[in-house]
């Protein structure tokens, strides 16, 4: 079992496309923080860093059986995370030229 499963990466890429990004705009870095000394059946745990190459912004998410990093990531995208004025200007039509009729 991997920290990031293939289906999670596919869902991540779908979310990016929904919000107008491409997968190449982002990188994922997962670090395994599972305690190897635990007496319990080991459940994978980790920390995920999502970086946006367009803005340089990054966010950190916990990975475990009891958290949904994809849910948190999707909520962050919905709130406008990873956007900057430069990215917004690049992705949205120029409202000034529409108002002036140009």
PDB file of N, CA and C in Angstrom:
ATOM      1  N   UNK A   1       0.845  -1.184   0.000  1.00  0.00           N
ATOM      2  CA  UNK A   1       0.000   0.000   0.000  1.00  0.00           C
ATOM      3  C   UNK A   1       0.890   1.246   0.000  1.00  0.00           C
ATOM      4  N   UNK A   2       0.549   2.187  -0.848  1.00  0.00           N
ATOM      5  CA  UNK A   2       1.301   3.428  -0.995  1.00  0.00           C
ATOM      6  C   UNK A   2       0.631   4.545  -0.204  1.00  0.00           C
ATOM      7  N   UNK A   3       1.425   5.555   0.145  1.00  0.00           N
ATOM      8  CA  UNK A   3       0.844   6.734   0.787  1.00  0.00           C
ATOM      9  C   UNK A   3      -0.176   7.400  -0.137  1.00  0.00           C
ATOM     10  N   UNK A   4       0.193   7.551  -1.389  1.00  0.00           N
ATOM     11  CA  UNK A   4      -0.718   8.096  -2.392  1.00  0.00           C
ATOM     12  C   UNK A   4      -1.067   6.986  -3.373  1.00  0.00           C
ATOM     13  N   UNK A   5      -2.314   6.614  -3.376  1.00  0.00           N
ATOM     14  CA  UNK A   5      -2.769   5.570  -4.287  1.00  0.00           C
ATOM     15  C   UNK A   5      -3.012   6.174  -5.672  1.00  0.00           C
ATOM     16  N   UNK A   6      -2.937   5.344  -6.694  1.00  0.00           N
ATOM     17  CA  UNK A   6      -3.115   5.798  -8.076  1.00  0.00           C
ATOM     18  C   UNK A   6      -4.476   6.461  -8.272  1.00  0.00           C
ATOM     19  N   UNK A   7      -5.532   5.916  -7.661  1.00  0.00           N
ATOM     20  CA  UNK A   7      -6.860   6.509  -7.824  1.00  0.00           C
ATOM     21  C   UNK A   7      -6.944   7.889  -7.165  1.00  0.00           C
ATOM     22  N   UNK A   8      -6.175   8.110  -6.101  1.00  0.00           N
ATOM     23  CA  UNK A   8      -6.149   9.431  -5.471  1.00  0.00           C
ATOM     24  C   UNK A   8      -5.486  10.457  -6.388  1.00  0.00           C
ATOM     25  N   UNK A   9      -4.438  10.039  -7.060  1.00  0.00           N
ATOM     26  CA  UNK A   9      -3.750  10.944  -7.990  1.00  0.00           C
ATOM     27  C   UNK A   9      -4.685  11.292  -9.149  1.00  0.00           C
ATOM     28  N   UNK A  10      -5.439  10.322  -9.627  1.00  0.00           N
ATOM     29  CA  UNK A  10      -6.412  10.565 -10.701  1.00  0.00           C
ATOM     30  C   UNK A  10      -7.475  11.553 -10.230  1.00  0.00           C
ATOM     31  N   UNK A  11      -7.982  11.379  -9.009  1.00  0.00           N
ATOM     32  CA  UNK A  11      -8.978  12.305  -8.458  1.00  0.00           C
ATOM     33  C   UNK A  11      -8.382  13.705  -8.271  1.00  0.00           C
ATOM     34  N   UNK A  12      -7.139  13.768  -7.824  1.00  0.00           N
ATOM     35  CA  UNK A  12      -6.425  15.033  -7.671  1.00  0.00           C
ATOM     36  C   UNK A  12      -6.362  15.761  -9.008  1.00  0.00           C
ATOM     37  N   UNK A  13      -5.990  15.057 -10.061  1.00  0.00           N
ATOM     38  CA  UNK A  13      -5.886  15.659 -11.385  1.00  0.00           C
ATOM     39  C   UNK A  13      -7.241  16.114 -11.905  1.00  0.00           C
ATOM     40  N   UNK A  14      -8.302  15.352 -11.603  1.00  0.00           N
ATOM     41  CA  UNK A  14      -9.658  15.768 -11.990  1.00  0.00           C
ATOM     42  C   UNK A  14     -10.035  17.077 -11.305  1.00  0.00           C
ATOM     43  N   UNK A  15      -9.746  17.168 -10.008  1.00  0.00           N
ATOM     44  CA  UNK A  15     -10.042  18.397  -9.273  1.00  0.00           C
ATOM     45  C   UNK A  15      -9.304  19.585  -9.885  1.00  0.00           C
ATOM     46  N   UNK A  16      -8.053  19.379 -10.234  1.00  0.00           N
ATOM     47  CA  UNK A  16      -7.284  20.463 -10.849  1.00  0.00           C
ATOM     48  C   UNK A  16      -7.965  20.952 -12.121  1.00  0.00           C
ATOM     49  N   UNK A  17      -8.394  20.035 -12.952  1.00  0.00           N
ATOM     50  CA  UNK A  17      -9.028  20.410 -14.221  1.00  0.00           C
ATOM     51  C   UNK A  17     -10.347  21.147 -13.988  1.00  0.00           C
ATOM     52  N   UNK A  18     -11.107  20.715 -12.984  1.00  0.00           N
ATOM     53  CA  UNK A  18     -12.374  21.386 -12.661  1.00  0.00           C
ATOM     54  C   UNK A  18     -12.139  22.863 -12.352  1.00  0.00           C
ATOM     55  N   UNK A  19     -11.024  23.156 -11.694  1.00  0.00           N
ATOM     56  CA  UNK A  19     -10.732  24.531 -11.291  1.00  0.00           C
ATOM     57  C   UNK A  19      -9.776  25.246 -12.254  1.00  0.00           C
ATOM     58  N   UNK A  20      -9.617  24.681 -13.446  1.00  0.00           N
ATOM     59  CA  UNK A  20      -8.875  25.373 -14.501  1.00  0.00           C
ATOM     60  C   UNK A  20      -7.371  25.213 -14.477  1.00  0.00           C
ATOM     61  N   UNK A  21      -6.875  24.292 -13.700  1.00  0.00           N
ATOM     62  CA  UNK A  21      -5.437  24.029 -13.656  1.00  0.00           C
ATOM     63  C   UNK A  21      -5.119  22.798 -14.493  1.00  0.00           C
ATOM     64  N   UNK A  22      -3.858  22.594 -14.766  1.00  0.00           N
ATOM     65  CA  UNK A  22      -3.404  21.353 -15.388  1.00  0.00           C
ATOM     66  C   UNK A  22      -2.495  20.640 -14.386  1.00  0.00           C
ATOM     67  N   UNK A  23      -2.429  19.324 -14.461  1.00  0.00           N
ATOM     68  CA  UNK A  23      -1.575  18.590 -13.526  1.00  0.00           C
ATOM     69  C   UNK A  23      -0.121  19.057 -13.547  1.00  0.00           C
ATOM     70  N   UNK A  24       0.361  19.520 -14.684  1.00  0.00           N
ATOM     71  CA  UNK A  24       1.751  19.969 -14.748  1.00  0.00           C
ATOM     72  C   UNK A  24       1.978  21.271 -13.971  1.00  0.00           C
ATOM     73  N   UNK A  25       0.881  21.938 -13.565  1.00  0.00           N
ATOM     74  CA  UNK A  25       0.990  23.144 -12.738  1.00  0.00           C
ATOM     75  C   UNK A  25       1.370  22.816 -11.292  1.00  0.00           C
ATOM     76  N   UNK A  26       1.282  21.544 -10.913  1.00  0.00           N
ATOM     77  CA  UNK A  26       1.433  21.145  -9.511  1.00  0.00           C
ATOM     78  C   UNK A  26       2.426  20.010  -9.326  1.00  0.00           C
ATOM     79  N   UNK A  27       2.961  19.946  -8.119  1.00  0.00           N
ATOM     80  CA  UNK A  27       3.777  18.793  -7.729  1.00  0.00           C
ATOM     81  C   UNK A  27       3.298  18.316  -6.363  1.00  0.00           C
ATOM     82  N   UNK A  28       3.454  17.032  -6.135  1.00  0.00           N
ATOM     83  CA  UNK A  28       3.084  16.395  -4.875  1.00  0.00           C
ATOM     84  C   UNK A  28       4.330  15.802  -4.238  1.00  0.00           C
ATOM     85  N   UNK A  29       4.468  16.005  -2.937  1.00  0.00           N
ATOM     86  CA  UNK A  29       5.588  15.419  -2.199  1.00  0.00           C
ATOM     87  C   UNK A  29       5.037  14.803  -0.926  1.00  0.00           C
ATOM     88  N   UNK A  30       5.035  13.479  -0.862  1.00  0.00           N
ATOM     89  CA  UNK A  30       4.497  12.761   0.291  1.00  0.00           C
ATOM     90  C   UNK A  30       5.634  12.203   1.138  1.00  0.00           C
ATOM     91  N   UNK A  31       5.520  12.407   2.451  1.00  0.00           N
ATOM     92  CA  UNK A  31       6.517  11.900   3.395  1.00  0.00           C
ATOM     93  C   UNK A  31       5.817  10.951   4.358  1.00  0.00           C
ATOM     94  N   UNK A  32       6.332   9.737   4.454  1.00  0.00           N
ATOM     95  CA  UNK A  32       5.764   8.728   5.354  1.00  0.00           C
ATOM     96  C   UNK A  32       6.150   9.054   6.794  1.00  0.00           C
ATOM     97  N   UNK A  33       5.145   9.249   7.648  1.00  0.00           N
ATOM     98  CA  UNK A  33       5.386   9.516   9.072  1.00  0.00           C
ATOM     99  C   UNK A  33       4.854   8.396   9.949  1.00  0.00           C
ATOM    100  N   UNK A  34       4.594   7.233   9.359  1.00  0.00           N
ATOM    101  CA  UNK A  34       4.091   6.089  10.104  1.00  0.00           C
ATOM    102  C   UNK A  34       5.103   5.690  11.178  1.00  0.00           C
ATOM    103  N   UNK A  35       4.628   5.465  12.399  1.00  0.00           N
ATOM    104  CA  UNK A  35       5.493   5.059  13.500  1.00  0.00           C
ATOM    105  C   UNK A  35       5.789   3.564  13.373  1.00  0.00           C
ATOM    106  N   UNK A  36       7.012   3.189  13.041  1.00  0.00           N
ATOM    107  CA  UNK A  36       7.332   1.765  12.864  1.00  0.00           C
ATOM    108  C   UNK A  36       7.353   0.992  14.182  1.00  0.00           C
ATOM    109  N   UNK A  37       7.364   1.688  15.304  1.00  0.00           N
ATOM    110  CA  UNK A  37       7.448   1.030  16.607  1.00  0.00           C
ATOM    111  C   UNK A  37       6.088   0.755  17.235  1.00  0.00           C
ATOM    112  N   UNK A  38       5.018   1.157  16.572  1.00  0.00           N
ATOM    113  CA  UNK A  38       3.697   0.969  17.154  1.00  0.00           C
ATOM    114  C   UNK A  38       3.350  -0.514  17.271  1.00  0.00           C
ATOM    115  N   UNK A  39       2.618  -0.857  18.321  1.00  0.00           N
ATOM    116  CA  UNK A  39       2.181  -2.243  18.526  1.00  0.00           C
ATOM    117  C   UNK A  39       0.898  -2.540  17.766  1.00  0.00           C
ATOM    118  N   UNK A  40       0.233  -1.509  17.310  1.00  0.00           N
ATOM    119  CA  UNK A  40      -1.017  -1.689  16.588  1.00  0.00           C
ATOM    120  C   UNK A  40      -0.735  -2.080  15.146  1.00  0.00           C
ATOM    121  N   UNK A  41      -1.793  -2.537  14.495  1.00  0.00           N
ATOM    122  CA  UNK A  41      -1.663  -2.816  13.067  1.00  0.00           C
ATOM    123  C   UNK A  41      -1.329  -1.490  12.403  1.00  0.00           C
ATOM    124  N   UNK A  42      -0.191  -1.432  11.724  1.00  0.00           N
ATOM    125  CA  UNK A  42       0.235  -0.132  11.202  1.00  0.00           C
ATOM    126  C   UNK A  42      -0.679   0.401  10.111  1.00  0.00           C
ATOM    127  N   UNK A  43      -1.204   1.557  10.371  1.00  0.00           N
ATOM    128  CA  UNK A  43      -1.947   2.285   9.350  1.00  0.00           C
ATOM    129  C   UNK A  43      -0.994   3.347   8.818  1.00  0.00           C
ATOM    130  N   UNK A  44      -0.971   3.477   7.522  1.00  0.00           N
ATOM    131  CA  UNK A  44      -0.073   4.455   6.934  1.00  0.00           C
ATOM    132  C   UNK A  44      -0.479   5.866   7.332  1.00  0.00           C
ATOM    133  N   UNK A  45       0.506   6.662   7.644  1.00  0.00           N
ATOM    134  CA  UNK A  45       0.304   8.068   7.943  1.00  0.00           C
ATOM    135  C   UNK A  45       1.386   8.850   7.227  1.00  0.00           C
ATOM    136  N   UNK A  46       1.052  10.059   6.869  1.00  0.00           N
ATOM    137  CA  UNK A  46       2.051  10.874   6.207  1.00  0.00           C
ATOM    138  C   UNK A  46       1.635  12.316   6.100  1.00  0.00           C
ATOM    139  N   UNK A  47       2.533  13.074   5.532  1.00  0.00           N
ATOM    140  CA  UNK A  47       2.283  14.482   5.265  1.00  0.00           C
ATOM    141  C   UNK A  47       2.480  14.708   3.774  1.00  0.00           C
ATOM    142  N   UNK A  48       1.556  15.422   3.192  1.00  0.00           N
ATOM    143  CA  UNK A  48       1.592  15.697   1.766  1.00  0.00           C
ATOM    144  C   UNK A  48       1.749  17.191   1.554  1.00  0.00           C
ATOM    145  N   UNK A  49       2.705  17.561   0.729  1.00  0.00           N
ATOM    146  CA  UNK A  49       2.868  18.956   0.334  1.00  0.00           C
ATOM    147  C   UNK A  49       2.453  19.070  -1.125  1.00  0.00           C
ATOM    148  N   UNK A  50       1.502  19.975  -1.376  1.00  0.00           N
ATOM    149  CA  UNK A  50       1.053  20.267  -2.732  1.00  0.00           C
ATOM    150  C   UNK A  50       1.619  21.639  -3.090  1.00  0.00           C
ATOM    151  N   UNK A  51       2.387  21.699  -4.172  1.00  0.00           N
ATOM    152  CA  UNK A  51       2.996  22.957  -4.613  1.00  0.00           C
ATOM    153  C   UNK A  51       2.446  23.355  -5.978  1.00  0.00           C
ATOM    154  N   UNK A  52       2.152  24.641  -6.117  1.00  0.00           N
ATOM    155  CA  UNK A  52       1.699  25.179  -7.390  1.00  0.00           C
ATOM    156  C   UNK A  52       2.864  25.915  -8.044  1.00  0.00           C
ATOM    157  N   UNK A  53       3.295  25.433  -9.194  1.00  0.00           N
ATOM    158  CA  UNK A  53       4.428  26.050  -9.890  1.00  0.00           C
ATOM    159  C   UNK A  53       4.082  27.445 -10.411  1.00  0.00           C
ATOM    160  N   UNK A  54       2.818  27.700 -10.684  1.00  0.00           N
ATOM    161  CA  UNK A  54       2.410  29.001 -11.221  1.00  0.00           C
ATOM    162  C   UNK A  54       2.543  30.123 -10.206  1.00  0.00           C
ATOM    163  N   UNK A  55       2.273  29.804  -8.940  1.00  0.00           N
ATOM    164  CA  UNK A  55       2.238  30.848  -7.913  1.00  0.00           C
ATOM    165  C   UNK A  55       3.313  30.678  -6.845  1.00  0.00           C
ATOM    166  N   UNK A  56       3.916  29.490  -6.772  1.00  0.00           N
ATOM    167  CA  UNK A  56       4.880  29.212  -5.719  1.00  0.00           C
ATOM    168  C   UNK A  56       4.230  28.873  -4.390  1.00  0.00           C
ATOM    169  N   UNK A  57       2.907  28.882  -4.358  1.00  0.00           N
ATOM    170  CA  UNK A  57       2.200  28.573  -3.112  1.00  0.00           C
ATOM    171  C   UNK A  57       2.231  27.074  -2.840  1.00  0.00           C
ATOM    172  N   UNK A  58       2.191  26.746  -1.562  1.00  0.00           N
ATOM    173  CA  UNK A  58       2.095  25.339  -1.186  1.00  0.00           C
ATOM    174  C   UNK A  58       1.177  25.188   0.014  1.00  0.00           C
ATOM    175  N   UNK A  59       0.577  24.022   0.096  1.00  0.00           N
ATOM    176  CA  UNK A  59      -0.287  23.674   1.224  1.00  0.00           C
ATOM    177  C   UNK A  59       0.100  22.284   1.681  1.00  0.00           C
ATOM    178  N   UNK A  60      -0.131  22.037   2.966  1.00  0.00           N
ATOM    179  CA  UNK A  60       0.228  20.757   3.576  1.00  0.00           C
ATOM    180  C   UNK A  60      -1.038  20.045   4.044  1.00  0.00           C
ATOM    181  N   UNK A  61      -1.066  18.746   3.826  1.00  0.00           N
ATOM    182  CA  UNK A  61      -2.215  17.933   4.195  1.00  0.00           C
ATOM    183  C   UNK A  61      -1.729  16.673   4.903  1.00  0.00           C
ATOM    184  N   UNK A  62      -2.515  16.221   5.875  1.00  0.00           N
ATOM    185  CA  UNK A  62      -2.236  14.949   6.547  1.00  0.00           C
ATOM    186  C   UNK A  62      -2.821  13.821   5.724  1.00  0.00           C
ATOM    187  N   UNK A  63      -2.086  12.732   5.660  1.00  0.00           N
ATOM    188  CA  UNK A  63      -2.542  11.533   4.963  1.00  0.00           C
ATOM    189  C   UNK A  63      -2.707  10.448   6.017  1.00  0.00           C
ATOM    190  N   UNK A  64      -3.889   9.877   6.092  1.00  0.00           N
ATOM    191  CA  UNK A  64      -4.117   8.735   6.981  1.00  0.00           C
ATOM    192  C   UNK A  64      -5.444   8.092   6.609  1.00  0.00           C
ATOM    193  N   UNK A  65      -5.734   6.982   7.269  1.00  0.00           N
ATOM    194  CA  UNK A  65      -7.003   6.310   7.025  1.00  0.00           C
ATOM    195  C   UNK A  65      -8.185   7.136   7.530  1.00  0.00           C
ATOM    196  N   UNK A  66      -7.924   8.058   8.461  1.00  0.00           N
ATOM    197  CA  UNK A  66      -9.023   8.825   9.067  1.00  0.00           C
ATOM    198  C   UNK A  66      -9.146  10.249   8.520  1.00  0.00           C
ATOM    199  N   UNK A  67      -8.351  10.601   7.529  1.00  0.00           N
ATOM    200  CA  UNK A  67      -8.459  11.936   6.937  1.00  0.00           C
ATOM    201  C   UNK A  67      -8.668  11.833   5.432  1.00  0.00           C
ATOM    202  N   UNK A  68      -9.245  12.854   4.875  1.00  0.00           N
ATOM    203  CA  UNK A  68      -9.456  12.913   3.439  1.00  0.00           C
ATOM    204  C   UNK A  68      -8.714  14.125   2.887  1.00  0.00           C
ATOM    205  N   UNK A  69      -7.460  13.925   2.545  1.00  0.00           N
ATOM    206  CA  UNK A  69      -6.686  15.050   2.025  1.00  0.00           C
ATOM    207  C   UNK A  69      -7.308  15.590   0.752  1.00  0.00           C
ATOM    208  N   UNK A  70      -7.910  14.709  -0.052  1.00  0.00           N
ATOM    209  CA  UNK A  70      -8.548  15.171  -1.283  1.00  0.00           C
ATOM    210  C   UNK A  70      -9.730  16.084  -0.989  1.00  0.00           C
ATOM    211  N   UNK A  71     -10.480  15.770   0.054  1.00  0.00           N
ATOM    212  CA  UNK A  71     -11.595  16.631   0.460  1.00  0.00           C
ATOM    213  C   UNK A  71     -11.114  17.999   0.889  1.00  0.00           C
ATOM    214  N   UNK A  72     -10.035  18.024   1.671  1.00  0.00           N
ATOM    215  CA  UNK A  72      -9.459  19.298   2.118  1.00  0.00           C
ATOM    216  C   UNK A  72      -8.872  20.071   0.936  1.00  0.00           C
ATOM    217  N   UNK A  73      -8.198  19.367   0.034  1.00  0.00           N
ATOM    218  CA  UNK A  73      -7.618  20.007  -1.137  1.00  0.00           C
ATOM    219  C   UNK A  73      -8.717  20.609  -2.014  1.00  0.00           C
ATOM    220  N   UNK A  74      -9.782  19.850  -2.249  1.00  0.00           N
ATOM    221  CA  UNK A  74     -10.904  20.346  -3.043  1.00  0.00           C
ATOM    222  C   UNK A  74     -11.543  21.577  -2.414  1.00  0.00           C
ATOM    223  N   UNK A  75     -11.701  21.556  -1.090  1.00  0.00           N
ATOM    224  CA  UNK A  75     -12.264  22.719  -0.390  1.00  0.00           C
ATOM    225  C   UNK A  75     -11.347  23.929  -0.526  1.00  0.00           C
ATOM    226  N   UNK A  76     -10.048  23.692  -0.460  1.00  0.00           N
ATOM    227  CA  UNK A  76      -9.098  24.798  -0.632  1.00  0.00           C
ATOM    228  C   UNK A  76      -9.188  25.386  -2.039  1.00  0.00           C
ATOM    229  N   UNK A  77      -9.285  24.521  -3.047  1.00  0.00           N
ATOM    230  CA  UNK A  77      -9.428  25.016  -4.419  1.00  0.00           C
ATOM    231  C   UNK A  77     -10.700  25.836  -4.567  1.00  0.00           C
ATOM    232  N   UNK A  78     -11.772  25.359  -3.953  1.00  0.00           N
ATOM    233  CA  UNK A  78     -13.057  26.059  -4.034  1.00  0.00           C
ATOM    234  C   UNK A  78     -12.959  27.458  -3.425  1.00  0.00           C
ATOM    235  N   UNK A  79     -12.132  27.604  -2.389  1.00  0.00           N
ATOM    236  CA  UNK A  79     -11.950  28.903  -1.726  1.00  0.00           C
ATOM    237  C   UNK A  79     -10.932  29.786  -2.458  1.00  0.00           C
ATOM    238  N   UNK A  80     -10.351  29.283  -3.549  1.00  0.00           N
ATOM    239  CA  UNK A  80      -9.416  30.093  -4.328  1.00  0.00           C
ATOM    240  C   UNK A  80      -7.961  29.882  -3.984  1.00  0.00           C
ATOM    241  N   UNK A  81      -7.660  28.823  -3.251  1.00  0.00           N
ATOM    242  CA  UNK A  81      -6.257  28.539  -2.933  1.00  0.00           C
ATOM    243  C   UNK A  81      -5.469  28.338  -4.226  1.00  0.00           C
ATOM    244  N   UNK A  82      -4.224  28.705  -4.187  1.00  0.00           N
ATOM    245  CA  UNK A  82      -3.272  28.547  -5.279  1.00  0.00           C
ATOM    246  C   UNK A  82      -3.471  29.572  -6.397  1.00  0.00           C
ATOM    247  N   UNK A  83      -4.403  30.494  -6.208  1.00  0.00           N
ATOM    248  CA  UNK A  83      -4.587  31.537  -7.204  1.00  0.00           C
ATOM    249  C   UNK A  83      -3.847  32.784  -6.754  1.00  0.00           C
ATOM    250  N   UNK A  84      -3.355  33.522  -7.692  1.00  0.00           N
ATOM    251  CA  UNK A  84      -2.741  34.823  -7.422  1.00  0.00           C
ATOM    252  C   UNK A  84      -3.309  35.802  -8.433  1.00  0.00           C
ATOM    253  N   UNK A  85      -3.049  37.077  -8.253  1.00  0.00           N
ATOM    254  CA  UNK A  85      -3.545  38.062  -9.204  1.00  0.00           C
ATOM    255  C   UNK A  85      -3.007  37.786 -10.601  1.00  0.00           C
ATOM    256  N   UNK A  86      -1.763  37.373 -10.702  1.00  0.00           N
ATOM    257  CA  UNK A  86      -1.168  37.091 -12.013  1.00  0.00           C
ATOM    258  C   UNK A  86      -1.884  35.931 -12.685  1.00  0.00           C
ATOM    259  N   UNK A  87      -2.180  34.882 -11.915  1.00  0.00           N
ATOM    260  CA  UNK A  87      -2.869  33.715 -12.476  1.00  0.00           C
ATOM    261  C   UNK A  87      -4.293  34.100 -12.852  1.00  0.00           C
ATOM    262  N   UNK A  88      -4.971  34.855 -11.989  1.00  0.00           N
ATOM    263  CA  UNK A  88      -6.331  35.287 -12.304  1.00  0.00           C
ATOM    264  C   UNK A  88      -6.358  36.126 -13.571  1.00  0.00           C
ATOM    265  N   UNK A  89      -5.428  37.055 -13.713  1.00  0.00           N
ATOM    266  CA  UNK A  89      -5.384  37.899 -14.899  1.00  0.00           C
ATOM    267  C   UNK A  89      -5.114  37.090 -16.158  1.00  0.00           C
ATOM    268  N   UNK A  90      -4.301  36.045 -16.023  1.00  0.00           N
ATOM    269  CA  UNK A  90      -3.974  35.196 -17.166  1.00  0.00           C
ATOM    270  C   UNK A  90      -5.170  34.343 -17.571  1.00  0.00           C
ATOM    271  N   UNK A  91      -5.957  33.895 -16.587  1.00  0.00           N
ATOM    272  CA  UNK A  91      -7.025  32.936 -16.858  1.00  0.00           C
ATOM    273  C   UNK A  91      -8.381  33.580 -17.139  1.00  0.00           C
ATOM    274  N   UNK A  92      -8.587  34.801 -16.688  1.00  0.00           N
ATOM    275  CA  UNK A  92      -9.874  35.455 -16.878  1.00  0.00           C
ATOM    276  C   UNK A  92      -9.774  36.491 -17.986  1.00  0.00           C
ATOM    277  N   UNK A  93     -10.874  36.669 -18.734  1.00  0.00           N
ATOM    278  CA  UNK A  93     -10.850  37.712 -19.759  1.00  0.00           C
ATOM    279  C   UNK A  93     -10.633  39.078 -19.122  1.00  0.00           C
ATOM    280  N   UNK A  94     -10.012  39.970 -19.837  1.00  0.00           N
ATOM    281  CA  UNK A  94      -9.747  41.320 -19.337  1.00  0.00           C
ATOM    282  C   UNK A  94     -11.062  42.085 -19.284  1.00  0.00           C
ATOM    283  N   UNK A  95     -11.547  42.331 -18.080  1.00  0.00           N
ATOM    284  CA  UNK A  95     -12.836  42.992 -17.901  1.00  0.00           C
ATOM    285  C   UNK A  95     -12.789  44.441 -18.373  1.00  0.00           C
ATOM    286  N   UNK A  96     -11.612  45.070 -18.329  1.00  0.00           N
ATOM    287  CA  UNK A  96     -11.509  46.464 -18.777  1.00  0.00           C
ATOM    288  C   UNK A  96     -11.770  46.575 -20.266  1.00  0.00           C
ATOM    289  N   UNK A  97     -11.265  45.644 -21.065  1.00  0.00           N
ATOM    290  CA  UNK A  97     -11.463  45.727 -22.508  1.00  0.00           C
ATOM    291  C   UNK A  97     -12.909  45.409 -22.866  1.00  0.00           C
ATOM    292  N   UNK A  98     -13.586  44.585 -22.063  1.00  0.00           N
ATOM    293  CA  UNK A  98     -14.995  44.286 -22.318  1.00  0.00           C
ATOM    294  C   UNK A  98     -15.857  45.495 -22.030  1.00  0.00           C
ATOM    295  N   UNK A  99     -15.523  46.251 -20.978  1.00  0.00           N
ATOM    296  CA  UNK A  99     -16.312  47.424 -20.609  1.00  0.00           C
ATOM    297  C   UNK A  99     -16.164  48.536 -21.643  1.00  0.00           C
ATOM    298  N   UNK A 100     -14.976  48.679 -22.193  1.00  0.00           N
ATOM    299  CA  UNK A 100     -14.741  49.772 -23.139  1.00  0.00           C
ATOM    300  C   UNK A 100     -15.090  49.390 -24.568  1.00  0.00           C
ATOM    301  N   UNK A 101     -15.474  48.134 -24.769  1.00  0.00           N
ATOM    302  CA  UNK A 101     -15.867  47.678 -26.090  1.00  0.00           C
ATOM    303  C   UNK A 101     -14.726  47.272 -26.981  1.00  0.00           C
ATOM    304  N   UNK A 102     -13.531  47.133 -26.447  1.00  0.00           N
ATOM    305  CA  UNK A 102     -12.361  46.731 -27.239  1.00  0.00           C
ATOM    306  C   UNK A 102     -12.208  45.246 -27.254  1.00  0.00           C
TER     307      UNK A 102
END
